[in-house]
Structure formats: structure tokens, C-alpha cells
N, C-alpha and C. Protein backbone atom coordinates (compact mmCIF):
# COMPACT_ATOMS: atom_id res chain seq x y z
N UNK A 1 0.75 -1.23 0.00
CA UNK A 1 -0.02 -0.08 -0.06
C UNK A 1 0.85 1.22 0.02
N UNK A 2 0.32 2.30 -0.63
CA UNK A 2 1.09 3.51 -0.71
C UNK A 2 0.74 4.36 0.52
N UNK A 3 1.45 5.36 0.75
CA UNK A 3 1.28 6.20 1.90
C UNK A 3 -0.02 6.91 1.83
N UNK A 4 -0.59 7.36 0.75
CA UNK A 4 -1.79 7.94 0.57
C UNK A 4 -2.97 6.99 0.95
N UNK A 5 -2.80 5.86 0.52
CA UNK A 5 -3.81 4.80 0.72
C UNK A 5 -3.88 4.51 2.26
N UNK A 6 -2.67 4.36 2.84
CA UNK A 6 -2.68 4.11 4.32
C UNK A 6 -3.38 5.30 5.11
N UNK A 7 -3.21 6.52 4.70
CA UNK A 7 -3.82 7.65 5.38
C UNK A 7 -5.34 7.63 5.24
N UNK A 8 -5.80 7.30 3.95
CA UNK A 8 -7.24 7.21 3.72
C UNK A 8 -7.83 6.03 4.51
N UNK A 9 -7.15 4.97 4.74
CA UNK A 9 -7.57 3.84 5.43
C UNK A 9 -7.69 4.26 6.92
N UNK A 10 -6.75 5.06 7.54
CA UNK A 10 -6.65 5.47 8.90
C UNK A 10 -7.91 6.50 9.16
N UNK A 11 -8.19 7.32 8.10
CA UNK A 11 -9.37 8.25 8.29
C UNK A 11 -10.75 7.49 8.25
N UNK A 12 -10.74 6.44 7.34
CA UNK A 12 -11.98 5.69 7.32
C UNK A 12 -12.15 4.97 8.71
N UNK A 13 -11.12 4.38 9.25
CA UNK A 13 -11.31 3.73 10.53
C UNK A 13 -11.65 4.70 11.61
N UNK A 14 -11.17 5.82 11.58
CA UNK A 14 -11.53 6.80 12.56
C UNK A 14 -12.88 7.28 12.52
N UNK A 15 -13.50 7.55 11.28
CA UNK A 15 -14.82 7.86 11.16
C UNK A 15 -15.76 6.72 11.55
N UNK A 16 -15.36 5.52 11.26
CA UNK A 16 -16.25 4.34 11.72
C UNK A 16 -16.22 4.43 13.27
N UNK A 17 -15.04 4.58 13.90
CA UNK A 17 -15.01 4.55 15.33
C UNK A 17 -15.89 5.71 15.92
N UNK A 18 -15.97 6.84 15.28
CA UNK A 18 -16.64 7.92 15.80
C UNK A 18 -18.28 7.78 15.67
N UNK A 19 -18.73 6.88 14.93
CA UNK A 19 -20.14 6.55 14.73
C UNK A 19 -20.71 5.98 16.04
N UNK A 20 -21.95 6.36 16.28
CA UNK A 20 -22.58 5.83 17.54
C UNK A 20 -22.86 4.35 17.29
N UNK A 21 -22.83 3.51 18.34
CA UNK A 21 -23.04 2.14 18.45
C UNK A 21 -24.51 1.80 18.13
N UNK A 22 -25.37 2.59 18.58
CA UNK A 22 -26.77 2.46 18.48
C UNK A 22 -27.51 3.59 17.87
N UNK A 23 -28.53 3.36 17.14
CA UNK A 23 -29.37 4.50 16.82
C UNK A 23 -30.70 4.38 17.43
N UNK A 24 -31.13 5.20 18.15
CA UNK A 24 -32.52 5.18 18.72
C UNK A 24 -33.47 6.35 18.08
N UNK A 25 -34.70 5.98 17.85
CA UNK A 25 -35.59 6.93 17.28
C UNK A 25 -36.48 7.37 18.43
N UNK A 26 -37.18 8.36 18.03
CA UNK A 26 -38.14 8.98 19.10
C UNK A 26 -39.44 8.13 18.86
N UNK A 27 -40.18 8.13 19.87
CA UNK A 27 -41.54 7.38 19.73
C UNK A 27 -42.43 8.16 18.76
N UNK A 28 -42.30 9.34 18.65
CA UNK A 28 -43.19 10.16 17.72
C UNK A 28 -42.97 9.66 16.29
N UNK A 29 -41.74 9.35 15.92
CA UNK A 29 -41.52 8.88 14.48
C UNK A 29 -42.07 7.56 14.25
N UNK A 30 -42.20 6.54 15.22
CA UNK A 30 -42.79 5.33 15.05
C UNK A 30 -44.31 5.53 14.96
N UNK A 31 -44.83 6.40 15.67
CA UNK A 31 -46.30 6.77 15.61
C UNK A 31 -46.62 7.30 14.17
N UNK A 32 -45.87 8.13 13.69
CA UNK A 32 -46.08 8.69 12.34
C UNK A 32 -45.92 7.59 11.17
N UNK A 33 -45.12 6.65 11.43
CA UNK A 33 -44.95 5.40 10.37
C UNK A 33 -46.13 4.67 10.43
N UNK A 34 -46.56 4.32 11.72
CA UNK A 34 -47.85 3.46 11.83
C UNK A 34 -48.98 4.21 11.36
N UNK A 35 -49.20 5.44 11.43
CA UNK A 35 -50.30 6.21 10.89
C UNK A 35 -50.31 6.19 9.47
N UNK A 36 -49.13 6.22 8.80
CA UNK A 36 -49.12 6.28 7.35
C UNK A 36 -49.38 4.87 6.69
N UNK A 37 -49.01 3.75 7.49
CA UNK A 37 -49.29 2.34 7.03
C UNK A 37 -50.77 2.22 6.90
N UNK A 38 -51.62 2.69 7.78
CA UNK A 38 -53.10 2.52 7.70
C UNK A 38 -53.70 3.40 6.70
N UNK A 39 -53.16 4.56 6.33
CA UNK A 39 -53.86 5.39 5.56
C UNK A 39 -53.52 5.01 4.00
N UNK A 40 -54.44 4.96 3.22
CA UNK A 40 -54.34 4.60 1.66
C UNK A 40 -54.40 5.98 1.01
N UNK A 41 -53.46 6.27 0.17
CA UNK A 41 -53.58 7.54 -0.57
C UNK A 41 -54.26 7.23 -1.84
N UNK A 42 -54.80 8.20 -2.59
CA UNK A 42 -55.54 8.03 -3.85
C UNK A 42 -54.50 7.56 -4.89
N UNK A 43 -53.28 7.82 -4.89
CA UNK A 43 -52.36 7.51 -6.01
C UNK A 43 -51.92 6.01 -5.75
N UNK A 44 -51.98 5.43 -4.63
CA UNK A 44 -51.59 4.05 -4.46
C UNK A 44 -52.44 3.12 -5.25
N UNK A 45 -51.89 2.05 -5.76
CA UNK A 45 -52.72 1.09 -6.66
C UNK A 45 -53.32 0.18 -5.75
N UNK A 46 -54.75 -0.03 -5.85
CA UNK A 46 -55.47 -0.95 -5.11
C UNK A 46 -56.21 -1.79 -6.17
N UNK A 47 -56.23 -3.21 -6.03
CA UNK A 47 -56.92 -4.06 -7.03
C UNK A 47 -58.37 -3.52 -7.17
N UNK A 48 -58.79 -3.13 -8.31
CA UNK A 48 -60.05 -2.84 -8.57
C UNK A 48 -60.87 -3.92 -9.06
N UNK A 49 -62.11 -3.88 -8.74
CA UNK A 49 -63.06 -5.08 -9.14
C UNK A 49 -63.15 -5.17 -10.60
N UNK A 50 -63.21 -4.10 -11.33
CA UNK A 50 -63.27 -4.20 -12.73
C UNK A 50 -62.03 -4.78 -13.45
N UNK A 51 -60.84 -4.42 -12.77
CA UNK A 51 -59.63 -5.13 -13.38
C UNK A 51 -59.54 -6.65 -13.13
N UNK A 52 -60.17 -6.94 -11.88
CA UNK A 52 -60.26 -8.43 -11.66
C UNK A 52 -61.12 -9.14 -12.53
N UNK A 53 -62.23 -8.59 -12.75
CA UNK A 53 -63.34 -9.12 -13.70
C UNK A 53 -62.76 -9.27 -15.08
N UNK A 54 -62.03 -8.15 -15.49
CA UNK A 54 -61.47 -8.16 -16.88
C UNK A 54 -60.45 -9.25 -17.01
N UNK A 55 -59.57 -9.37 -15.97
CA UNK A 55 -58.57 -10.45 -16.07
C UNK A 55 -59.08 -11.82 -16.09
N UNK A 56 -60.12 -12.07 -15.38
CA UNK A 56 -60.80 -13.39 -15.38
C UNK A 56 -61.40 -13.70 -16.67
N UNK A 57 -62.14 -12.64 -17.32
CA UNK A 57 -62.77 -12.76 -18.55
C UNK A 57 -61.75 -13.05 -19.70
N UNK A 58 -60.60 -12.18 -19.58
CA UNK A 58 -59.50 -12.55 -20.68
C UNK A 58 -58.99 -13.86 -20.50
N UNK A 59 -58.75 -14.42 -19.23
CA UNK A 59 -58.20 -15.68 -19.13
C UNK A 59 -59.11 -16.73 -19.62
N UNK A 60 -60.39 -16.73 -19.33
CA UNK A 60 -61.44 -17.61 -19.88
C UNK A 60 -61.45 -17.55 -21.36
N UNK A 61 -61.42 -16.40 -22.01
CA UNK A 61 -61.53 -16.32 -23.48
C UNK A 61 -60.25 -16.89 -24.14
N UNK A 62 -59.07 -16.62 -23.60
CA UNK A 62 -57.74 -17.20 -24.04
C UNK A 62 -57.84 -18.77 -23.95
N UNK A 63 -58.33 -19.19 -22.89
CA UNK A 63 -58.55 -20.64 -22.71
C UNK A 63 -59.43 -21.29 -23.70
N UNK A 64 -60.62 -20.70 -23.92
CA UNK A 64 -61.53 -21.16 -24.92
C UNK A 64 -60.95 -21.11 -26.31
N UNK A 65 -60.23 -19.98 -26.63
CA UNK A 65 -59.66 -19.86 -27.96
C UNK A 65 -58.59 -20.94 -28.21
N UNK A 66 -57.81 -21.19 -27.27
CA UNK A 66 -56.77 -22.24 -27.28
C UNK A 66 -57.46 -23.64 -27.51
N UNK A 67 -58.51 -23.87 -26.73
CA UNK A 67 -59.17 -25.25 -26.79
C UNK A 67 -59.79 -25.35 -28.18
N UNK A 68 -60.38 -24.33 -28.69
CA UNK A 68 -60.97 -24.40 -30.12
C UNK A 68 -59.97 -24.62 -31.10
N UNK A 69 -58.76 -23.93 -30.95
CA UNK A 69 -57.68 -24.07 -31.92
C UNK A 69 -57.12 -25.52 -31.89
N UNK A 70 -56.96 -26.11 -30.77
CA UNK A 70 -56.44 -27.34 -30.53
C UNK A 70 -57.31 -28.42 -31.20
N UNK A 71 -58.71 -28.19 -31.02
CA UNK A 71 -59.74 -29.06 -31.46
C UNK A 71 -59.68 -29.04 -33.09
N UNK A 72 -59.64 -27.83 -33.52
CA UNK A 72 -59.50 -27.72 -35.08
C UNK A 72 -58.36 -28.47 -35.66
N UNK A 73 -57.13 -28.32 -34.97
CA UNK A 73 -55.98 -28.91 -35.45
C UNK A 73 -56.15 -30.48 -35.36
N UNK A 74 -56.64 -30.98 -34.31
CA UNK A 74 -56.90 -32.42 -34.14
C UNK A 74 -57.90 -32.82 -35.21
N UNK A 75 -58.90 -32.13 -35.50
CA UNK A 75 -59.85 -32.58 -36.58
C UNK A 75 -59.17 -32.68 -37.93
N UNK A 76 -58.38 -31.71 -38.17
CA UNK A 76 -57.64 -31.69 -39.47
C UNK A 76 -56.70 -32.85 -39.54
N UNK A 77 -55.91 -33.11 -38.51
CA UNK A 77 -55.00 -34.24 -38.48
C UNK A 77 -55.69 -35.52 -38.56
N UNK A 78 -56.90 -35.70 -37.94
CA UNK A 78 -57.65 -37.12 -38.08
C UNK A 78 -58.20 -37.16 -39.51
N UNK A 79 -58.54 -36.03 -40.16
CA UNK A 79 -59.15 -36.08 -41.49
C UNK A 79 -57.95 -36.51 -42.43
N UNK A 80 -56.86 -35.94 -42.17
CA UNK A 80 -55.62 -36.19 -42.94
C UNK A 80 -55.26 -37.69 -42.83
N UNK A 81 -55.25 -38.17 -41.56
CA UNK A 81 -54.88 -39.71 -41.35
C UNK A 81 -55.94 -40.67 -42.00
N UNK A 82 -57.20 -40.20 -42.00
CA UNK A 82 -58.18 -41.08 -42.60
C UNK A 82 -57.96 -41.11 -44.09
N UNK A 83 -57.60 -39.98 -44.77
CA UNK A 83 -57.37 -39.87 -46.09
C UNK A 83 -56.13 -40.80 -46.48
N UNK A 84 -55.05 -40.68 -45.75
CA UNK A 84 -53.80 -41.34 -45.94
C UNK A 84 -54.18 -42.89 -45.76
N UNK A 85 -54.96 -43.19 -44.81
CA UNK A 85 -55.28 -44.59 -44.51
C UNK A 85 -56.08 -45.23 -45.69
N UNK A 86 -56.97 -44.41 -46.30
CA UNK A 86 -57.77 -44.84 -47.37
C UNK A 86 -57.00 -45.05 -48.58
N UNK A 87 -55.94 -43.97 -48.78
CA UNK A 87 -55.05 -44.14 -49.90
C UNK A 87 -54.21 -45.41 -49.86
N UNK A 88 -53.76 -45.71 -48.58
CA UNK A 88 -52.88 -46.95 -48.35
C UNK A 88 -53.71 -48.17 -48.61
N UNK A 89 -54.98 -48.28 -48.16
CA UNK A 89 -55.75 -49.27 -48.47
C UNK A 89 -56.11 -49.55 -49.90
N UNK A 90 -56.21 -48.56 -50.64
CA UNK A 90 -56.50 -48.62 -52.08
C UNK A 90 -55.29 -49.18 -52.74
N UNK A 91 -54.06 -48.67 -52.35
CA UNK A 91 -52.92 -49.25 -52.90
C UNK A 91 -52.76 -50.72 -52.53
N UNK A 92 -53.15 -51.08 -51.27
CA UNK A 92 -53.09 -52.49 -50.94
C UNK A 92 -53.99 -53.27 -51.79
N UNK A 93 -55.22 -52.82 -52.00
CA UNK A 93 -56.18 -53.50 -52.79
C UNK A 93 -55.57 -53.71 -54.24
N UNK A 94 -55.01 -52.70 -54.89
CA UNK A 94 -54.45 -52.92 -56.20
C UNK A 94 -53.30 -53.86 -56.13
N UNK A 95 -52.40 -53.83 -55.08
CA UNK A 95 -51.25 -54.77 -55.04
C UNK A 95 -51.74 -56.20 -54.96
N UNK A 96 -52.63 -56.40 -53.99
CA UNK A 96 -53.19 -57.68 -53.82
C UNK A 96 -53.91 -58.30 -55.08
N UNK A 97 -54.69 -57.39 -55.82
CA UNK A 97 -55.24 -57.91 -57.01
C UNK A 97 -54.21 -58.21 -58.07
N UNK A 98 -53.13 -57.35 -58.11
CA UNK A 98 -52.07 -57.71 -59.17
C UNK A 98 -51.36 -59.06 -58.88
N UNK A 99 -51.19 -59.20 -57.50
CA UNK A 99 -50.59 -60.70 -57.18
C UNK A 99 -51.47 -61.65 -57.51
N UNK A 100 -52.72 -61.55 -57.24
CA UNK A 100 -53.75 -62.64 -57.54
C UNK A 100 -53.79 -62.81 -59.07
N UNK A 101 -53.85 -61.84 -59.92
CA UNK A 101 -53.83 -61.93 -61.25
C UNK A 101 -52.52 -62.59 -61.87
N UNK A 102 -51.38 -62.29 -61.17
CA UNK A 102 -50.16 -63.01 -61.69
C UNK A 102 -50.27 -64.52 -61.33
N UNK A 103 -50.84 -64.90 -60.18
CA UNK A 103 -50.97 -66.39 -59.91
C UNK A 103 -51.93 -66.94 -60.87
N UNK A 104 -53.07 -66.24 -61.29
CA UNK A 104 -54.06 -66.78 -62.21
C UNK A 104 -53.41 -67.09 -63.59
N UNK A 105 -52.50 -66.03 -64.04
CA UNK A 105 -51.82 -66.14 -65.38
C UNK A 105 -50.85 -67.34 -65.28
N UNK A 106 -50.24 -67.47 -64.12
CA UNK A 106 -49.24 -68.71 -64.17
C UNK A 106 -50.06 -69.98 -64.25
N UNK A 107 -51.14 -70.15 -63.56
CA UNK A 107 -51.91 -71.36 -63.68
C UNK A 107 -52.49 -71.44 -65.13
N UNK A 108 -52.99 -70.41 -65.54
CA UNK A 108 -53.57 -70.55 -66.99
C UNK A 108 -52.51 -70.87 -68.02
N UNK A 109 -51.41 -70.37 -67.90
CA UNK A 109 -50.31 -70.71 -68.82
C UNK A 109 -49.98 -72.18 -68.77
N UNK A 110 -49.88 -72.77 -67.62
CA UNK A 110 -49.61 -74.09 -67.49
C UNK A 110 -50.65 -74.93 -68.11
N UNK A 111 -52.01 -74.52 -67.94
CA UNK A 111 -53.16 -75.23 -68.52
C UNK A 111 -53.17 -75.07 -69.94
N UNK A 112 -52.78 -73.95 -70.53
CA UNK A 112 -52.87 -73.77 -72.06
C UNK A 112 -51.93 -74.67 -72.71
N UNK A 113 -50.87 -75.15 -72.05
CA UNK A 113 -50.07 -76.12 -72.58
C UNK A 113 -50.70 -77.44 -72.76
N UNK A 114 -51.58 -77.78 -71.76
CA UNK A 114 -52.20 -79.03 -71.81
C UNK A 114 -53.49 -79.08 -72.62
N UNK A 115 -54.37 -78.06 -72.58
CA UNK A 115 -55.74 -78.17 -73.19
C UNK A 115 -56.07 -76.65 -73.62
N UNK A 116 -56.94 -76.51 -74.57
CA UNK A 116 -57.47 -75.24 -74.93
C UNK A 116 -58.64 -74.94 -74.10
N UNK A 117 -58.52 -73.74 -73.36
CA UNK A 117 -59.64 -73.43 -72.45
C UNK A 117 -60.93 -72.94 -73.32
N UNK A 118 -60.74 -72.58 -74.49
CA UNK A 118 -62.03 -72.13 -75.17
C UNK A 118 -62.96 -73.26 -75.45
N UNK A 119 -62.43 -74.47 -75.38
CA UNK A 119 -63.32 -75.72 -75.81
C UNK A 119 -64.40 -75.88 -74.64
N UNK A 120 -64.09 -75.42 -73.46
CA UNK A 120 -65.13 -75.74 -72.43
C UNK A 120 -65.89 -74.52 -71.95
N UNK A 121 -67.10 -74.39 -72.45
CA UNK A 121 -67.72 -73.09 -72.21
C UNK A 121 -68.26 -73.04 -70.81
N UNK A 122 -68.58 -74.19 -70.19
CA UNK A 122 -69.07 -74.21 -68.74
C UNK A 122 -67.97 -73.65 -67.85
N UNK A 123 -66.82 -74.11 -67.97
CA UNK A 123 -65.70 -73.73 -67.23
C UNK A 123 -65.37 -72.23 -67.47
N UNK A 124 -65.34 -71.84 -68.70
CA UNK A 124 -65.03 -70.47 -68.95
C UNK A 124 -66.15 -69.56 -68.57
N UNK A 125 -67.50 -69.96 -68.60
CA UNK A 125 -68.54 -69.07 -68.19
C UNK A 125 -68.44 -68.88 -66.65
N UNK A 126 -68.19 -69.95 -65.86
CA UNK A 126 -68.02 -69.87 -64.44
C UNK A 126 -66.93 -68.93 -64.04
N UNK A 127 -65.77 -69.13 -64.79
CA UNK A 127 -64.61 -68.27 -64.51
C UNK A 127 -64.89 -66.75 -64.81
N UNK A 128 -65.66 -66.45 -65.88
CA UNK A 128 -65.95 -65.11 -66.17
C UNK A 128 -66.87 -64.52 -65.09
N UNK A 129 -67.79 -65.26 -64.63
CA UNK A 129 -68.66 -64.74 -63.56
C UNK A 129 -67.96 -64.38 -62.32
N UNK A 130 -67.03 -65.25 -61.97
CA UNK A 130 -66.11 -65.04 -60.75
C UNK A 130 -65.31 -63.74 -60.89
N UNK A 131 -64.81 -63.59 -62.12
CA UNK A 131 -63.91 -62.40 -62.34
C UNK A 131 -64.72 -61.11 -62.48
N UNK A 132 -66.00 -61.24 -62.94
CA UNK A 132 -66.94 -60.01 -62.91
C UNK A 132 -67.22 -59.67 -61.43
N UNK A 133 -67.55 -60.73 -60.62
CA UNK A 133 -67.86 -60.41 -59.26
C UNK A 133 -66.67 -59.78 -58.59
N UNK A 134 -65.36 -60.26 -58.88
CA UNK A 134 -64.24 -59.77 -58.21
C UNK A 134 -64.01 -58.28 -58.59
N UNK A 135 -64.29 -57.96 -59.84
CA UNK A 135 -64.17 -56.54 -60.31
C UNK A 135 -65.13 -55.63 -59.63
N UNK A 136 -66.36 -55.99 -59.49
CA UNK A 136 -67.30 -55.21 -58.77
C UNK A 136 -66.89 -55.20 -57.30
N UNK A 137 -66.48 -56.24 -56.67
CA UNK A 137 -66.05 -56.18 -55.22
C UNK A 137 -64.84 -55.20 -55.10
N UNK A 138 -64.03 -55.23 -56.06
CA UNK A 138 -62.82 -54.38 -55.90
C UNK A 138 -63.25 -52.91 -55.98
N UNK A 139 -64.13 -52.62 -56.86
CA UNK A 139 -64.66 -51.31 -56.99
C UNK A 139 -65.28 -50.82 -55.70
N UNK A 140 -66.13 -51.67 -55.11
CA UNK A 140 -66.86 -51.29 -53.82
C UNK A 140 -65.67 -51.28 -52.76
N UNK A 141 -64.74 -52.03 -52.82
CA UNK A 141 -63.58 -51.90 -51.70
C UNK A 141 -62.90 -50.60 -51.80
N UNK A 142 -62.75 -50.07 -53.06
CA UNK A 142 -62.09 -48.81 -53.05
C UNK A 142 -62.96 -47.61 -52.62
N UNK A 143 -64.33 -47.83 -52.65
CA UNK A 143 -65.17 -46.91 -52.12
C UNK A 143 -65.25 -46.92 -50.50
N UNK A 144 -65.29 -48.21 -50.14
CA UNK A 144 -65.35 -48.53 -48.71
C UNK A 144 -64.28 -49.39 -48.21
N UNK A 145 -63.01 -48.90 -48.18
CA UNK A 145 -61.88 -49.83 -47.78
C UNK A 145 -61.97 -50.36 -46.42
N UNK A 146 -62.73 -49.86 -45.47
CA UNK A 146 -62.73 -50.47 -44.24
C UNK A 146 -63.97 -51.44 -43.99
N UNK A 147 -64.53 -51.79 -45.02
CA UNK A 147 -65.66 -52.76 -44.98
C UNK A 147 -65.07 -54.24 -44.93
N UNK A 148 -65.10 -54.77 -43.71
CA UNK A 148 -64.52 -56.20 -43.56
C UNK A 148 -65.28 -57.25 -44.37
N UNK A 149 -66.58 -57.07 -44.37
CA UNK A 149 -67.31 -58.05 -45.21
C UNK A 149 -66.98 -58.13 -46.74
N UNK A 150 -66.62 -56.85 -47.21
CA UNK A 150 -66.15 -56.90 -48.63
C UNK A 150 -64.78 -57.52 -48.74
N UNK A 151 -63.94 -57.35 -47.73
CA UNK A 151 -62.59 -57.98 -47.89
C UNK A 151 -62.79 -59.47 -47.76
N UNK A 152 -63.58 -59.91 -46.86
CA UNK A 152 -63.77 -61.45 -46.77
C UNK A 152 -64.40 -61.95 -48.14
N UNK A 153 -65.38 -61.19 -48.72
CA UNK A 153 -65.99 -61.63 -49.93
C UNK A 153 -64.98 -61.66 -51.07
N UNK A 154 -64.13 -60.77 -51.15
CA UNK A 154 -63.12 -60.62 -52.17
C UNK A 154 -62.10 -61.89 -52.01
N UNK A 155 -61.55 -62.00 -50.80
CA UNK A 155 -60.74 -63.19 -50.61
C UNK A 155 -61.35 -64.53 -50.88
N UNK A 156 -62.70 -64.62 -50.59
CA UNK A 156 -63.36 -65.88 -50.81
C UNK A 156 -63.39 -66.12 -52.42
N UNK A 157 -63.78 -64.97 -53.14
CA UNK A 157 -63.91 -65.20 -54.55
C UNK A 157 -62.54 -65.57 -55.17
N UNK A 158 -61.43 -64.91 -54.65
CA UNK A 158 -60.17 -65.32 -55.25
C UNK A 158 -59.88 -66.69 -54.89
N UNK A 159 -60.13 -67.14 -53.74
CA UNK A 159 -59.88 -68.65 -53.39
C UNK A 159 -60.74 -69.57 -54.29
N UNK A 160 -61.97 -69.24 -54.50
CA UNK A 160 -62.80 -70.00 -55.47
C UNK A 160 -62.24 -70.12 -56.87
N UNK A 161 -61.80 -68.88 -57.35
CA UNK A 161 -61.12 -68.86 -58.67
C UNK A 161 -59.95 -69.76 -58.76
N UNK A 162 -59.03 -69.66 -57.76
CA UNK A 162 -57.86 -70.50 -57.78
C UNK A 162 -58.21 -72.00 -57.61
N UNK A 163 -59.19 -72.32 -56.86
CA UNK A 163 -59.69 -73.73 -56.72
C UNK A 163 -60.22 -74.16 -58.00
N UNK A 164 -61.04 -73.31 -58.68
CA UNK A 164 -61.71 -73.70 -60.02
C UNK A 164 -60.56 -74.00 -61.12
N UNK A 165 -59.50 -73.19 -61.09
CA UNK A 165 -58.43 -73.34 -62.07
C UNK A 165 -57.63 -74.63 -61.66
N UNK A 166 -57.52 -74.90 -60.55
CA UNK A 166 -56.70 -76.08 -60.13
C UNK A 166 -57.52 -77.33 -60.37
N UNK A 167 -58.81 -77.35 -60.01
CA UNK A 167 -59.74 -78.51 -60.33
C UNK A 167 -59.69 -78.72 -61.75
N UNK A 168 -59.81 -77.66 -62.56
CA UNK A 168 -59.93 -77.85 -64.08
C UNK A 168 -58.65 -78.45 -64.56
N UNK A 169 -57.46 -77.97 -64.06
CA UNK A 169 -56.08 -78.55 -64.31
C UNK A 169 -56.09 -80.07 -63.98
N UNK A 170 -56.56 -80.41 -62.88
CA UNK A 170 -56.57 -81.91 -62.47
C UNK A 170 -57.55 -82.76 -63.34
N UNK A 171 -58.70 -82.09 -63.70
CA UNK A 171 -59.61 -82.90 -64.58
C UNK A 171 -58.89 -83.13 -65.99
N UNK A 172 -58.22 -82.15 -66.45
CA UNK A 172 -57.59 -82.11 -67.83
C UNK A 172 -56.41 -83.13 -67.72
N UNK A 173 -55.74 -83.25 -66.57
CA UNK A 173 -54.67 -84.12 -66.52
C UNK A 173 -55.25 -85.59 -66.46
N UNK A 174 -56.35 -85.81 -65.76
CA UNK A 174 -57.01 -87.14 -65.71
C UNK A 174 -57.44 -87.54 -67.03
N UNK A 175 -58.06 -86.60 -67.77
CA UNK A 175 -58.57 -87.02 -69.14
C UNK A 175 -57.41 -87.28 -70.12
N UNK A 176 -56.31 -86.59 -69.89
CA UNK A 176 -55.06 -86.85 -70.68
C UNK A 176 -54.64 -88.24 -70.39
N UNK A 177 -54.51 -88.64 -69.18
CA UNK A 177 -54.03 -89.95 -68.65
C UNK A 177 -55.06 -91.00 -69.30
N UNK A 178 -56.32 -90.86 -69.26
CA UNK A 178 -57.30 -91.83 -69.71
C UNK A 178 -57.13 -92.07 -71.22
N UNK A 179 -56.89 -91.04 -72.00
CA UNK A 179 -56.75 -91.09 -73.37
C UNK A 179 -55.54 -91.66 -73.87
N UNK A 180 -54.60 -91.91 -72.97
CA UNK A 180 -53.28 -92.50 -73.36
C UNK A 180 -53.34 -93.92 -73.46
């Protein structure tokens, strides 16, 4: 420390020592403070009933608007999900139909090697009726993709078509063996 700092430090210590150890107030000053605590001046802010009502109304309004906005967003999301779900189901219908048609082509190609399908009108008529039914079922499924009965009916007609083709193939094989 420098000499000037030491002198300032001594003066500060002396001033602190000169201060009184206690500070006492007069009783009249406490009475004045207490009197002022009880008195409300017109400039002091006091919660007004109007402000309280306005605050409650604003809070309720904000809450209702938030709820309405959330509900609208939820409705839009659910409509979007339903539309996406229907699109996925329609794609699934198309995919399943394509797979079924490829199975039918494979069976028909193996039968064409053995026998001409145009010779048997009963078989061909039954097959055409099944395919017409499947086409109308597929169209209905695309309109109502969540209809379980239509799905079951479509799968049933596909199974009957495959069975009919397989039975026809077996009959043709048996006839070929008999003619040998």
C-alpha cells in the first residue's frame, strides 16, 4: 500500500469509530410511520373489481380460444390420417389384385400347354362370372376400404377362382391320362 492509501484507511477507521453504536428513534417517529401504514392515498394502486373481472374474462377467453384451436388442429389431423389410410388401403387392394392376377396367369399358362380353355364353355362361363364379381367387389372396396365383409368376400372369390383353375387342371390331367 502506498502512503496515501494508508492515510485514507486511517481516516476511514477513525470515522467508523466515531459513529454511535446504536441509533435510537423517538416514539413520535414510530407513531407517524404506523399512521401512514393505515392510510391509503389515492395514488396508491389498489386492485379494482373491474380489473379483476377483466382479467378473469380475458383468461377464460384465451382458454376457450386455445381449446378451439387445438380441436380444429386435431380434426384436421384425423381427417388427413383417414385420407392417408384410405389411400394406403386402395394401394393395398391394387397390389393384392395384381398378385392374384399373376397367380392366375401362371396357372392358366400351365393349363394352356395341356388343353385349350375355349373348348369348355361351362368352365369359361363360371370363371368369367367369378372375375366379374371380383371386379365389382374391388370397385366397392375402393369406395369402402374399411368394410370387412367386402374384404372377406373378395378373398373368398379369389380362393374359389384358384380352386376352380386347379380343379380344371386336375380334370384335364386325368382326361389326358385316360386317353393315353
